[in-house]
Protein backbone atom coordinates (compact mmCIF):
# COMPACT_ATOMS: atom_id res chain seq x y z
CA UNK A 1 0.00 0.00 0.00
CA UNK A 2 2.83 2.38 0.88
CA UNK A 3 4.49 1.64 -2.45
CA UNK A 4 1.28 2.49 -4.28
CA UNK A 5 0.93 5.79 -2.42
CA UNK A 6 4.58 6.55 -3.12
CA UNK A 7 4.08 5.94 -6.86
CA UNK A 8 0.97 8.14 -6.90
CA UNK A 9 2.88 10.95 -5.18
CA UNK A 10 5.75 10.66 -7.67
CA UNK A 11 3.30 10.76 -10.58
CA UNK A 12 1.57 13.83 -9.12
CA UNK A 13 4.89 15.64 -8.62
CA UNK A 14 6.01 14.81 -12.17
CA UNK A 15 2.71 16.10 -13.52
CA UNK A 16 3.19 19.39 -11.67
CA UNK A 17 6.74 19.71 -12.99
CA UNK A 18 5.57 18.97 -16.52
CA UNK A 19 3.40 22.05 -16.53
CA UNK A 20 5.22 25.05 -17.95
CA UNK A 21 2.47 27.66 -17.99
CA UNK A 22 0.72 29.55 -15.22
CA UNK A 23 -2.25 30.64 -17.27
CA UNK A 24 -5.52 32.38 -16.60
CA UNK A 25 -8.14 32.71 -19.31
CA UNK A 26 -11.34 34.66 -18.68
CA UNK A 27 -14.38 34.31 -20.94
CA UNK A 28 -16.45 37.48 -21.18
CA UNK A 29 -19.93 36.88 -22.65
CA UNK A 30 -21.55 40.20 -21.76
CA UNK A 31 -22.03 41.10 -25.43
CA UNK A 32 -23.76 37.81 -26.21
CA UNK A 33 -27.54 37.72 -25.91
CA UNK A 34 -27.78 34.44 -24.04
CA UNK A 35 -29.72 33.83 -20.82
CA UNK A 36 -28.09 30.50 -20.02
CA UNK A 37 -24.46 31.26 -19.20
CA UNK A 38 -23.46 27.71 -18.32
CA UNK A 39 -21.77 26.92 -21.63
CA UNK A 40 -19.53 29.97 -21.28
CA UNK A 41 -18.53 28.90 -17.76
CA UNK A 42 -17.80 25.40 -19.02
CA UNK A 43 -15.77 26.81 -21.91
CA UNK A 44 -13.72 28.95 -19.52
CA UNK A 45 -13.06 26.02 -17.19
CA UNK A 46 -12.12 23.69 -20.06
CA UNK A 47 -9.69 26.20 -21.57
CA UNK A 48 -7.97 26.85 -18.25
CA UNK A 49 -7.59 23.13 -17.68
CA UNK A 50 -6.20 22.70 -21.19
CA UNK A 51 -3.68 25.53 -20.77
CA UNK A 52 -2.42 24.59 -17.33
CA UNK A 53 -2.50 20.80 -17.48
CA UNK A 54 -0.90 20.23 -20.88
CA UNK A 55 2.81 19.40 -20.95
CA UNK A 56 3.83 21.88 -23.65
CA UNK A 57 7.54 21.04 -23.47
CA UNK A 58 9.78 18.37 -21.98
CA UNK A 59 11.43 20.87 -19.66
CA UNK A 60 10.32 20.73 -16.00
CA UNK A 61 9.70 24.09 -14.33
CA UNK A 62 9.11 25.07 -10.72
CA UNK A 63 6.06 27.21 -9.97
CA UNK A 64 8.13 30.41 -9.95
CA UNK A 65 9.59 29.55 -13.37
CA UNK A 66 6.31 29.05 -15.20
CA UNK A 67 5.35 31.42 -17.98
CA UNK A 68 2.72 33.88 -16.76
CA UNK A 69 0.03 34.03 -19.40
CA UNK A 70 -3.25 35.95 -19.13
CA UNK A 71 -5.94 35.85 -21.81
CA UNK A 72 -9.36 37.46 -22.10
CA UNK A 73 -11.75 35.90 -24.60
CA UNK A 74 -14.37 38.56 -25.31
CA UNK A 75 -17.27 36.95 -27.14
CA UNK A 76 -19.48 39.04 -29.40
CA UNK A 77 -21.24 36.25 -31.29
CA UNK A 78 -22.72 32.86 -30.38
CA UNK A 79 -24.99 30.53 -32.29
CA UNK A 80 -25.33 26.93 -31.16
CA UNK A 81 -21.77 25.66 -31.30
CA UNK A 82 -20.26 28.61 -33.16
CA UNK A 83 -18.41 31.38 -31.31
CA UNK A 84 -16.90 34.69 -32.44
CA UNK A 85 -14.99 37.36 -30.58
CA UNK A 86 -11.59 38.79 -29.78
CA UNK A 87 -8.71 37.51 -27.67
CA UNK A 88 -6.45 39.74 -25.58
CA UNK A 89 -3.15 38.04 -24.81
CA UNK A 90 -0.76 39.34 -22.14
CA UNK A 91 2.49 37.76 -20.98
CA UNK A 92 4.59 38.75 -17.97
CA UNK A 93 7.95 37.73 -16.57
CA UNK A 94 9.63 38.52 -13.23
CA UNK A 95 12.28 41.22 -12.87
CA UNK A 96 15.55 39.93 -11.36
CA UNK A 97 15.99 40.47 -7.61
CA UNK A 98 12.56 42.01 -7.19
CA UNK A 99 8.95 41.14 -6.52
CA UNK A 100 7.86 42.96 -9.68
CA UNK A 101 6.74 41.52 -12.99
CA UNK A 102 7.07 43.22 -16.35
CA UNK A 103 4.76 42.88 -19.37
CA UNK A 104 6.58 41.38 -22.34
CA UNK A 105 3.71 40.84 -24.80
CA UNK A 106 0.35 42.55 -25.18
CA UNK A 107 -1.63 41.66 -28.28
CA UNK A 108 -5.27 41.83 -29.35
CA UNK A 109 -6.39 39.19 -31.83
CA UNK A 110 -9.56 40.43 -33.52
CA UNK A 111 -10.14 37.35 -35.70
CA UNK A 112 -11.41 34.76 -33.24
CA UNK A 113 -13.95 32.20 -34.41
CA UNK A 114 -14.32 28.55 -33.45
CA UNK A 115 -16.71 25.67 -32.89
CA UNK A 116 -17.18 24.24 -29.42
CA UNK A 117 -19.56 21.71 -27.91
CA UNK A 118 -19.92 21.71 -24.15
CA UNK A 119 -17.55 19.30 -22.41
CA UNK A 120 -15.76 18.36 -25.62
CA UNK A 121 -12.22 17.14 -24.85
CA UNK A 122 -9.23 19.23 -25.89
CA UNK A 123 -5.87 17.73 -26.75
CA UNK A 124 -2.83 19.23 -28.42
CA UNK A 125 -1.16 17.20 -31.15
CA UNK A 126 1.91 18.88 -32.65
CA UNK A 127 1.59 16.85 -35.84
CA UNK A 128 -2.05 17.43 -36.74
CA UNK A 129 -4.89 19.93 -36.74
CA UNK A 130 -7.45 19.08 -34.05
CA UNK A 131 -9.76 22.10 -34.01
CA UNK A 132 -9.51 25.83 -34.49
CA UNK A 133 -10.02 26.42 -30.77
CA UNK A 134 -7.17 24.08 -29.84
CA UNK A 135 -4.96 25.71 -32.49
CA UNK A 136 -5.74 29.23 -31.28
CA UNK A 137 -4.90 28.53 -27.66
CA UNK A 138 -1.88 26.36 -28.48
CA UNK A 139 -0.53 29.02 -30.83
CA UNK A 140 -0.54 31.65 -28.10
CA UNK A 141 0.88 29.29 -25.49
CA UNK A 142 3.89 28.64 -27.71
CA UNK A 143 4.10 32.33 -28.54
CA UNK A 144 4.27 33.03 -24.80
CA UNK A 145 6.95 30.39 -24.24
CA UNK A 146 8.97 31.81 -27.13
CA UNK A 147 8.63 35.47 -26.23
CA UNK A 148 9.52 34.81 -22.59
CA UNK A 149 12.55 32.68 -23.49
CA UNK A 150 13.81 35.48 -25.78
CA UNK A 151 13.98 37.82 -22.78
CA UNK A 152 16.30 35.45 -20.89
CA UNK A 153 18.63 34.33 -23.68
CA UNK A 154 19.31 35.76 -27.12
CA UNK A 155 16.82 34.12 -29.51
CA UNK A 156 16.27 31.43 -26.89
CA UNK A 157 12.62 31.18 -27.86
CA UNK A 158 13.25 29.92 -31.40
CA UNK A 159 12.07 26.30 -30.82
CA UNK A 160 8.78 27.51 -29.31
CA UNK A 161 8.21 30.13 -31.99
CA UNK A 162 8.81 27.53 -34.69
CA UNK A 163 6.20 25.33 -33.02
CA UNK A 164 3.77 28.26 -33.13
CA UNK A 165 4.60 28.63 -36.82
CA UNK A 166 3.86 24.94 -37.37
CA UNK A 167 0.49 25.34 -35.63
CA UNK A 168 -0.25 28.27 -37.93
CA UNK A 169 0.62 26.22 -41.03
CA UNK A 170 -1.58 23.30 -39.97
CA UNK A 171 -4.47 25.58 -39.00
CA UNK A 172 -4.63 27.13 -42.46
CA UNK A 173 -6.70 24.13 -43.56
CA UNK A 174 -9.52 25.34 -41.29
CA UNK A 175 -10.15 28.34 -43.57
CA UNK A 176 -10.70 30.39 -40.42
CA UNK A 177 -9.66 34.02 -40.58
CA UNK A 178 -6.31 35.01 -39.10
CA UNK A 179 -4.11 32.14 -40.21
CA UNK A 180 -3.38 33.31 -43.77
CA UNK A 181 -1.38 36.23 -45.12
CA UNK A 182 -4.35 37.35 -47.22
CA UNK A 183 -6.50 37.84 -44.12
CA UNK A 184 -4.97 41.22 -43.29
CA UNK A 185 -1.70 42.88 -42.31
CA UNK A 186 -2.00 42.28 -38.55
CA UNK A 187 -2.92 38.71 -37.78
CA UNK A 188 -1.43 35.45 -36.49
CA UNK A 189 0.27 34.70 -39.80
CA UNK A 190 2.16 37.98 -39.85
CA UNK A 191 2.81 37.91 -36.11
CA UNK A 192 4.79 34.68 -36.20
CA UNK A 193 6.21 35.29 -39.69
CA UNK A 194 7.77 38.63 -38.72
CA UNK A 195 8.93 37.29 -35.37
CA UNK A 196 11.02 34.62 -37.09
CA UNK A 197 12.04 36.65 -40.16
CA UNK A 198 15.65 37.82 -40.48
CA UNK A 199 14.23 41.10 -41.79
CA UNK A 200 13.11 41.90 -38.26
CA UNK A 201 15.93 40.25 -36.28
CA UNK A 202 16.62 43.45 -34.34
CA UNK A 203 13.31 42.97 -32.53
CA UNK A 204 14.38 39.83 -30.69
CA UNK A 205 17.73 41.41 -29.84
CA UNK A 206 15.84 44.36 -28.42
CA UNK A 207 13.68 42.03 -26.33
CA UNK A 208 16.76 40.37 -24.86
CA UNK A 209 18.77 43.55 -24.30
CA UNK A 210 15.86 45.50 -22.81
CA UNK A 211 15.20 42.82 -20.19
CA UNK A 212 18.52 41.11 -19.40
CA UNK A 213 20.83 44.10 -19.85
CA UNK A 214 18.25 46.64 -18.74
CA UNK A 215 15.39 45.75 -16.41
CA UNK A 216 17.20 42.93 -14.64
CA UNK A 217 19.81 45.45 -13.44
CA UNK A 218 17.35 48.05 -12.19
CA UNK A 219 17.40 46.84 -8.58
CA UNK A 220 21.15 46.25 -8.20
CA UNK A 221 22.39 49.11 -10.39
CA UNK A 222 19.64 51.46 -11.67
CA UNK A 223 22.00 53.54 -13.78
CA UNK A 224 23.35 50.47 -15.54
CA UNK A 225 19.77 49.24 -16.00
CA UNK A 226 18.74 52.51 -17.63
CA UNK A 227 21.73 52.37 -19.96
CA UNK A 228 20.76 48.84 -20.97
CA UNK A 229 17.24 49.99 -21.81
CA UNK A 230 18.63 52.95 -23.77
CA UNK A 231 20.91 50.65 -25.77
CA UNK A 232 18.00 48.34 -26.59
CA UNK A 233 15.75 51.19 -27.70
CA UNK A 234 18.51 52.57 -29.95
CA UNK A 235 18.27 49.40 -32.08
CA UNK A 236 14.81 50.45 -33.19
CA UNK A 237 16.42 53.01 -35.50
CA UNK A 238 17.73 50.30 -37.84
CA UNK A 239 14.46 48.38 -37.79
CA UNK A 240 12.44 51.53 -38.37
CA UNK A 241 14.63 52.62 -41.28
CA UNK A 242 14.02 49.28 -42.96
CA UNK A 243 10.33 48.80 -42.09
CA UNK A 244 8.79 51.92 -40.51
CA UNK A 245 5.34 50.38 -40.22
CA UNK A 246 6.41 47.03 -38.78
CA UNK A 247 3.75 45.53 -36.53
CA UNK A 248 6.47 44.45 -34.08
CA UNK A 249 7.32 48.09 -33.37
CA UNK A 250 3.68 48.77 -32.52
CA UNK A 251 3.55 45.58 -30.46
CA UNK A 252 6.61 46.54 -28.40
CA UNK A 253 5.40 50.00 -27.50
CA UNK A 254 1.85 48.85 -26.85
CA UNK A 255 3.46 46.64 -24.22
CA UNK A 256 6.22 48.89 -22.90
CA UNK A 257 5.24 52.56 -23.28
CA UNK A 258 4.00 53.01 -19.70
CA UNK A 259 7.04 51.22 -18.32
CA UNK A 260 9.48 53.36 -20.32
CA UNK A 261 7.84 56.50 -18.95
CA UNK A 262 8.21 55.17 -15.39
CA UNK A 263 11.84 54.11 -15.86
CA UNK A 264 13.06 57.48 -17.05
CA UNK A 265 10.91 59.67 -14.83
CA UNK A 266 12.91 58.97 -11.69
CA UNK A 267 16.11 57.51 -10.30
CA UNK A 268 19.65 58.31 -11.39
CA UNK A 269 20.08 60.84 -14.19
CA UNK A 270 21.22 59.61 -17.60
CA UNK A 271 21.60 61.29 -20.98
CA UNK A 272 18.10 60.59 -22.25
CA UNK A 273 17.68 63.25 -24.95
CA UNK A 274 18.99 61.07 -27.85
CA UNK A 275 16.66 58.26 -26.73
CA UNK A 276 13.71 60.63 -26.58
CA UNK A 277 14.44 61.67 -30.15
CA UNK A 278 14.42 58.00 -31.20
CA UNK A 279 11.13 57.36 -29.40
CA UNK A 280 9.47 60.32 -31.06
CA UNK A 281 10.66 59.10 -34.44
CA UNK A 282 9.93 55.37 -34.25
CA UNK A 283 6.83 55.57 -32.03
CA UNK A 284 5.20 58.94 -32.73
CA UNK A 285 1.77 57.56 -31.84
CA UNK A 286 2.95 57.58 -28.21
CA UNK A 287 4.29 61.14 -28.27
CA UNK A 288 1.80 62.33 -25.60
CA UNK A 289 3.30 59.74 -23.26
CA UNK A 290 6.89 60.64 -24.12
CA UNK A 291 6.10 64.23 -23.14
CA UNK A 292 5.36 62.99 -19.62
CA UNK A 293 8.93 61.79 -19.11
CA UNK A 294 10.78 64.02 -16.63
CA UNK A 295 14.53 63.49 -16.86
């Protein structure tokens, strides 16, 4: 009996270690004219179970090492088993030697549509297309693993991003909007395509430098941390000169604008004027925020 209990405990511990994501997905059905809300509650519960109980990689992680992924599925259409809406995806990672977390990805997917029957099982198979819902969630899980890994090691997220790209390729057979280049200029196809393209390789270098050479020094040496952030931001000049309307530039500043204002509005003084000029050039849509920086 003791041996059986011991084996069960080992299995339970291994299952916990196999989980790499600390995810929370909220389903918002306020815009759907539906009195019975049970299916939306079941959908939310099923998706959270799928995200948090699937072994997405073979690498064990402690609880404090799991990727922090938050998603909000905002439904605006429902008919039987068909759902439509948007998906807000936010990823965070801890800042070294602090209790703070920093946002590293903030993206709104406006092309969400899928079929779902209450209590239907969800399984991820890397080699085949299971359903559009499974593909959507799996795509963003691997995006989160890849984006987070890139902030800890230079292009460390490549295996995960390539898995997201494979999910995208398989999901194209669904004919659902968002997986194909013809569906628009800002969708899942272009998100993963630009992330892995050598044309935009400065972006992943910026992600690494901003976090490892910048934010992760802010507690121990704030001046060095600020200089690391400045160096990362300077790389946007090259990317902007090549592709001024790159969606990755918009994505970065959608995620980081508030944080940049906070970083350079206090603490040790650094030469920020050249960086301010870069920000106003590459991210003019945030110019009202840049004006708030007191340096």
